Amino acid sequence: MKKSWQKFKSSVSKAFRVEAEEPFQPNPQQEKIIRKLAEWVVRKRLTVPAIMFLESVIPLNYIGSQVLVFFNPFVTAFLNSNDYSALQEMLEDRGAIPVVIEAIETQEKTWEEKRKSYKASKLSKKE
């Protein structure tokens, strides 16, 4: 009985945690997923809506990760199951969302710098 209680307690311990115990450190596969997600968001010009959405769901990210577990059999028919599992594991940690937001903001800054340099080069060619 005590062993099953400890197992249950450890399985839901992250669900009710308010602050991250330690900073989130993504593994290489999760870093790749974060980078791809940030590039997609910036390319589609959804930076502001994405950041607003992510900021609003920070308290619910563990529940979202469990929803991803539920949809796993359906989604993995179309997507890479390893990436999907890594995304689900990443969302279990409350510190993951701020890392994703930071990656999106960094990607947006990079994109803006490229756009400005491209415009400047076009203007210099016209003159």
C-alpha atoms as a PDB file:
ATOM      1  CA  MET A   1       0.000   0.000   0.000  1.00  0.00           C
ATOM      2  CA  LYS A   2       2.761   2.420   0.967  1.00  0.00           C
ATOM      3  CA  LYS A   3       4.691   1.652  -2.211  1.00  0.00           C
ATOM      4  CA  SER A   4       1.676   2.327  -4.432  1.00  0.00           C
ATOM      5  CA  TRP A   5       1.018   5.613  -2.575  1.00  0.00           C
ATOM      6  CA  GLN A   6       4.608   6.730  -3.164  1.00  0.00           C
ATOM      7  CA  LYS A   7       4.321   5.804  -6.834  1.00  0.00           C
ATOM      8  CA  PHE A   8       1.085   7.803  -7.146  1.00  0.00           C
ATOM      9  CA  LYS A   9       2.567  10.749  -5.254  1.00  0.00           C
ATOM     10  CA  SER A  10       5.645  10.840  -7.489  1.00  0.00           C
ATOM     11  CA  SER A  11       3.532  10.610 -10.659  1.00  0.00           C
ATOM     12  CA  VAL A  12       1.421  13.667  -9.771  1.00  0.00           C
ATOM     13  CA  SER A  13       4.070  15.676  -7.946  1.00  0.00           C
ATOM     14  CA  LYS A  14       4.689  17.932 -10.945  1.00  0.00           C
ATOM     15  CA  ALA A  15       0.987  18.610 -11.503  1.00  0.00           C
ATOM     16  CA  PHE A  16       0.572  20.925  -8.533  1.00  0.00           C
ATOM     17  CA  ARG A  17       4.005  22.493  -8.397  1.00  0.00           C
ATOM     18  CA  VAL A  18       3.845  26.285  -8.640  1.00  0.00           C
ATOM     19  CA  GLU A  19       7.493  27.207  -9.183  1.00  0.00           C
ATOM     20  CA  ALA A  20      10.136  25.293 -11.050  1.00  0.00           C
ATOM     21  CA  GLU A  21      12.458  23.528  -8.619  1.00  0.00           C
ATOM     22  CA  GLU A  22      15.427  24.003 -10.892  1.00  0.00           C
ATOM     23  CA  PRO A  23      15.895  25.718 -14.247  1.00  0.00           C
ATOM     24  CA  PHE A  24      14.687  23.688 -17.209  1.00  0.00           C
ATOM     25  CA  GLN A  25      17.551  22.298 -19.266  1.00  0.00           C
ATOM     26  CA  PRO A  26      16.322  20.810 -22.557  1.00  0.00           C
ATOM     27  CA  ASN A  27      18.110  17.800 -23.959  1.00  0.00           C
ATOM     28  CA  PRO A  28      19.434  17.997 -27.561  1.00  0.00           C
ATOM     29  CA  GLN A  29      16.248  16.528 -29.049  1.00  0.00           C
ATOM     30  CA  GLN A  30      14.093  19.010 -27.132  1.00  0.00           C
ATOM     31  CA  GLU A  31      16.378  21.876 -28.208  1.00  0.00           C
ATOM     32  CA  LYS A  32      15.848  20.838 -31.828  1.00  0.00           C
ATOM     33  CA  ILE A  33      12.073  20.804 -31.319  1.00  0.00           C
ATOM     34  CA  ILE A  34      12.139  24.229 -29.639  1.00  0.00           C
ATOM     35  CA  ARG A  35      14.241  25.666 -32.468  1.00  0.00           C
ATOM     36  CA  LYS A  36      11.945  24.229 -35.154  1.00  0.00           C
ATOM     37  CA  LEU A  37       8.869  25.525 -33.340  1.00  0.00           C
ATOM     38  CA  ALA A  38      10.385  29.002 -32.926  1.00  0.00           C
ATOM     39  CA  GLU A  39      11.399  29.134 -36.604  1.00  0.00           C
ATOM     40  CA  TRP A  40       7.897  28.094 -37.686  1.00  0.00           C
ATOM     41  CA  VAL A  41       6.206  30.676 -35.448  1.00  0.00           C
ATOM     42  CA  VAL A  42       8.431  33.505 -36.706  1.00  0.00           C
ATOM     43  CA  ARG A  43       8.161  32.434 -40.338  1.00  0.00           C
ATOM     44  CA  LYS A  44       4.357  32.485 -40.085  1.00  0.00           C
ATOM     45  CA  ARG A  45       4.540  35.913 -38.348  1.00  0.00           C
ATOM     46  CA  LEU A  46       2.734  34.576 -35.256  1.00  0.00           C
ATOM     47  CA  THR A  47       5.243  35.762 -32.664  1.00  0.00           C
ATOM     48  CA  VAL A  48       2.916  37.964 -30.599  1.00  0.00           C
ATOM     49  CA  PRO A  49      -0.083  35.577 -30.574  1.00  0.00           C
ATOM     50  CA  ALA A  50       2.181  32.629 -29.782  1.00  0.00           C
ATOM     51  CA  ILE A  51       3.858  34.398 -26.867  1.00  0.00           C
ATOM     52  CA  MET A  52       0.506  35.587 -25.504  1.00  0.00           C
ATOM     53  CA  PHE A  53      -0.877  32.060 -25.747  1.00  0.00           C
ATOM     54  CA  LEU A  54       2.165  30.472 -24.117  1.00  0.00           C
ATOM     55  CA  GLU A  55       2.183  33.026 -21.280  1.00  0.00           C
ATOM     56  CA  SER A  56      -1.487  32.338 -20.588  1.00  0.00           C
ATOM     57  CA  VAL A  57      -1.128  28.545 -20.466  1.00  0.00           C
ATOM     58  CA  ILE A  58       1.940  28.330 -18.224  1.00  0.00           C
ATOM     59  CA  PRO A  59      -0.183  27.153 -15.245  1.00  0.00           C
ATOM     60  CA  LEU A  60      -1.790  24.465 -17.429  1.00  0.00           C
ATOM     61  CA  ASN A  61       1.263  23.061 -19.185  1.00  0.00           C
ATOM     62  CA  TYR A  62       1.261  19.786 -17.216  1.00  0.00           C
ATOM     63  CA  ILE A  63      -2.377  19.187 -18.103  1.00  0.00           C
ATOM     64  CA  GLY A  64      -1.503  19.962 -21.716  1.00  0.00           C
ATOM     65  CA  SER A  65       1.272  17.388 -21.611  1.00  0.00           C
ATOM     66  CA  GLN A  66      -1.207  14.796 -20.369  1.00  0.00           C
ATOM     67  CA  VAL A  67      -3.585  15.689 -23.219  1.00  0.00           C
ATOM     68  CA  LEU A  68      -0.680  14.989 -25.570  1.00  0.00           C
ATOM     69  CA  VAL A  69      -0.316  11.553 -23.941  1.00  0.00           C
ATOM     70  CA  PHE A  70      -3.996  10.898 -24.626  1.00  0.00           C
ATOM     71  CA  PHE A  71      -3.699  11.869 -28.306  1.00  0.00           C
ATOM     72  CA  ASN A  72      -0.391  10.026 -28.795  1.00  0.00           C
ATOM     73  CA  PRO A  73      -1.839   7.045 -30.728  1.00  0.00           C
ATOM     74  CA  PHE A  74      -3.648   9.326 -33.155  1.00  0.00           C
ATOM     75  CA  VAL A  75      -0.982  11.959 -33.725  1.00  0.00           C
ATOM     76  CA  THR A  76       1.968   9.600 -34.094  1.00  0.00           C
ATOM     77  CA  ALA A  77       0.294   8.160 -37.178  1.00  0.00           C
ATOM     78  CA  PHE A  78       1.184  11.455 -38.874  1.00  0.00           C
ATOM     79  CA  LEU A  79       4.165  12.806 -36.913  1.00  0.00           C
ATOM     80  CA  ASN A  80       7.509  11.509 -35.697  1.00  0.00           C
ATOM     81  CA  SER A  81       6.727   9.656 -32.457  1.00  0.00           C
ATOM     82  CA  ASN A  82      10.138  10.430 -30.911  1.00  0.00           C
ATOM     83  CA  ASP A  83       9.682  14.189 -31.370  1.00  0.00           C
ATOM     84  CA  TYR A  84       6.120  13.983 -30.096  1.00  0.00           C
ATOM     85  CA  SER A  85       7.224  12.101 -26.975  1.00  0.00           C
ATOM     86  CA  ALA A  86      10.043  14.578 -26.368  1.00  0.00           C
ATOM     87  CA  LEU A  87       7.562  17.463 -26.661  1.00  0.00           C
ATOM     88  CA  GLN A  88       5.210  15.772 -24.212  1.00  0.00           C
ATOM     89  CA  GLU A  89       8.030  15.162 -21.714  1.00  0.00           C
ATOM     90  CA  MET A  90       9.228  18.736 -22.099  1.00  0.00           C
ATOM     91  CA  LEU A  91       5.788  20.166 -21.315  1.00  0.00           C
ATOM     92  CA  GLU A  92       5.661  18.261 -18.024  1.00  0.00           C
ATOM     93  CA  ASP A  93       8.179  20.757 -16.653  1.00  0.00           C
ATOM     94  CA  ARG A  94       6.863  24.238 -15.820  1.00  0.00           C
ATOM     95  CA  GLY A  95      10.180  25.787 -16.785  1.00  0.00           C
ATOM     96  CA  ALA A  96       9.846  24.636 -20.405  1.00  0.00           C
ATOM     97  CA  ILE A  97       7.363  27.289 -21.533  1.00  0.00           C
ATOM     98  CA  PRO A  98       9.635  30.254 -20.675  1.00  0.00           C
ATOM     99  CA  VAL A  99      12.441  28.527 -22.607  1.00  0.00           C
ATOM    100  CA  VAL A 100      10.166  28.223 -25.654  1.00  0.00           C
ATOM    101  CA  ILE A 101       9.129  31.880 -25.328  1.00  0.00           C
ATOM    102  CA  GLU A 102      12.773  32.937 -25.114  1.00  0.00           C
ATOM    103  CA  ALA A 103      13.601  30.897 -28.226  1.00  0.00           C
ATOM    104  CA  ILE A 104      10.751  32.543 -30.144  1.00  0.00           C
ATOM    105  CA  GLU A 105      11.894  36.014 -29.077  1.00  0.00           C
ATOM    106  CA  THR A 106      15.494  35.232 -30.056  1.00  0.00           C
ATOM    107  CA  GLN A 107      14.391  33.904 -33.437  1.00  0.00           C
ATOM    108  CA  GLU A 108      12.256  37.026 -33.981  1.00  0.00           C
ATOM    109  CA  LYS A 109      15.236  39.292 -33.255  1.00  0.00           C
ATOM    110  CA  THR A 110      17.397  37.315 -35.677  1.00  0.00           C
ATOM    111  CA  TRP A 111      14.721  37.512 -38.353  1.00  0.00           C
ATOM    112  CA  GLU A 112      14.304  41.277 -37.845  1.00  0.00           C
ATOM    113  CA  GLU A 113      18.073  41.830 -38.172  1.00  0.00           C
ATOM    114  CA  LYS A 114      18.141  39.830 -41.418  1.00  0.00           C
ATOM    115  CA  ARG A 115      15.161  41.771 -42.748  1.00  0.00           C
ATOM    116  CA  LYS A 116      16.754  45.131 -41.911  1.00  0.00           C
ATOM    117  CA  SER A 117      20.073  44.187 -43.519  1.00  0.00           C
ATOM    118  CA  TYR A 118      18.230  42.940 -46.612  1.00  0.00           C
ATOM    119  CA  LYS A 119      16.288  46.211 -46.892  1.00  0.00           C
ATOM    120  CA  ALA A 120      19.469  48.233 -46.417  1.00  0.00           C
ATOM    121  CA  SER A 121      21.237  46.276 -49.161  1.00  0.00           C
ATOM    122  CA  LYS A 122      18.298  46.823 -51.537  1.00  0.00           C
ATOM    123  CA  LEU A 123      18.340  50.552 -50.831  1.00  0.00           C
ATOM    124  CA  SER A 124      22.089  50.803 -51.403  1.00  0.00           C
ATOM    125  CA  LYS A 125      21.733  48.999 -54.757  1.00  0.00           C
ATOM    126  CA  LYS A 126      19.093  51.503 -55.919  1.00  0.00           C
ATOM    127  CA  GLU A 127      21.404  54.452 -55.207  1.00  0.00           C
END
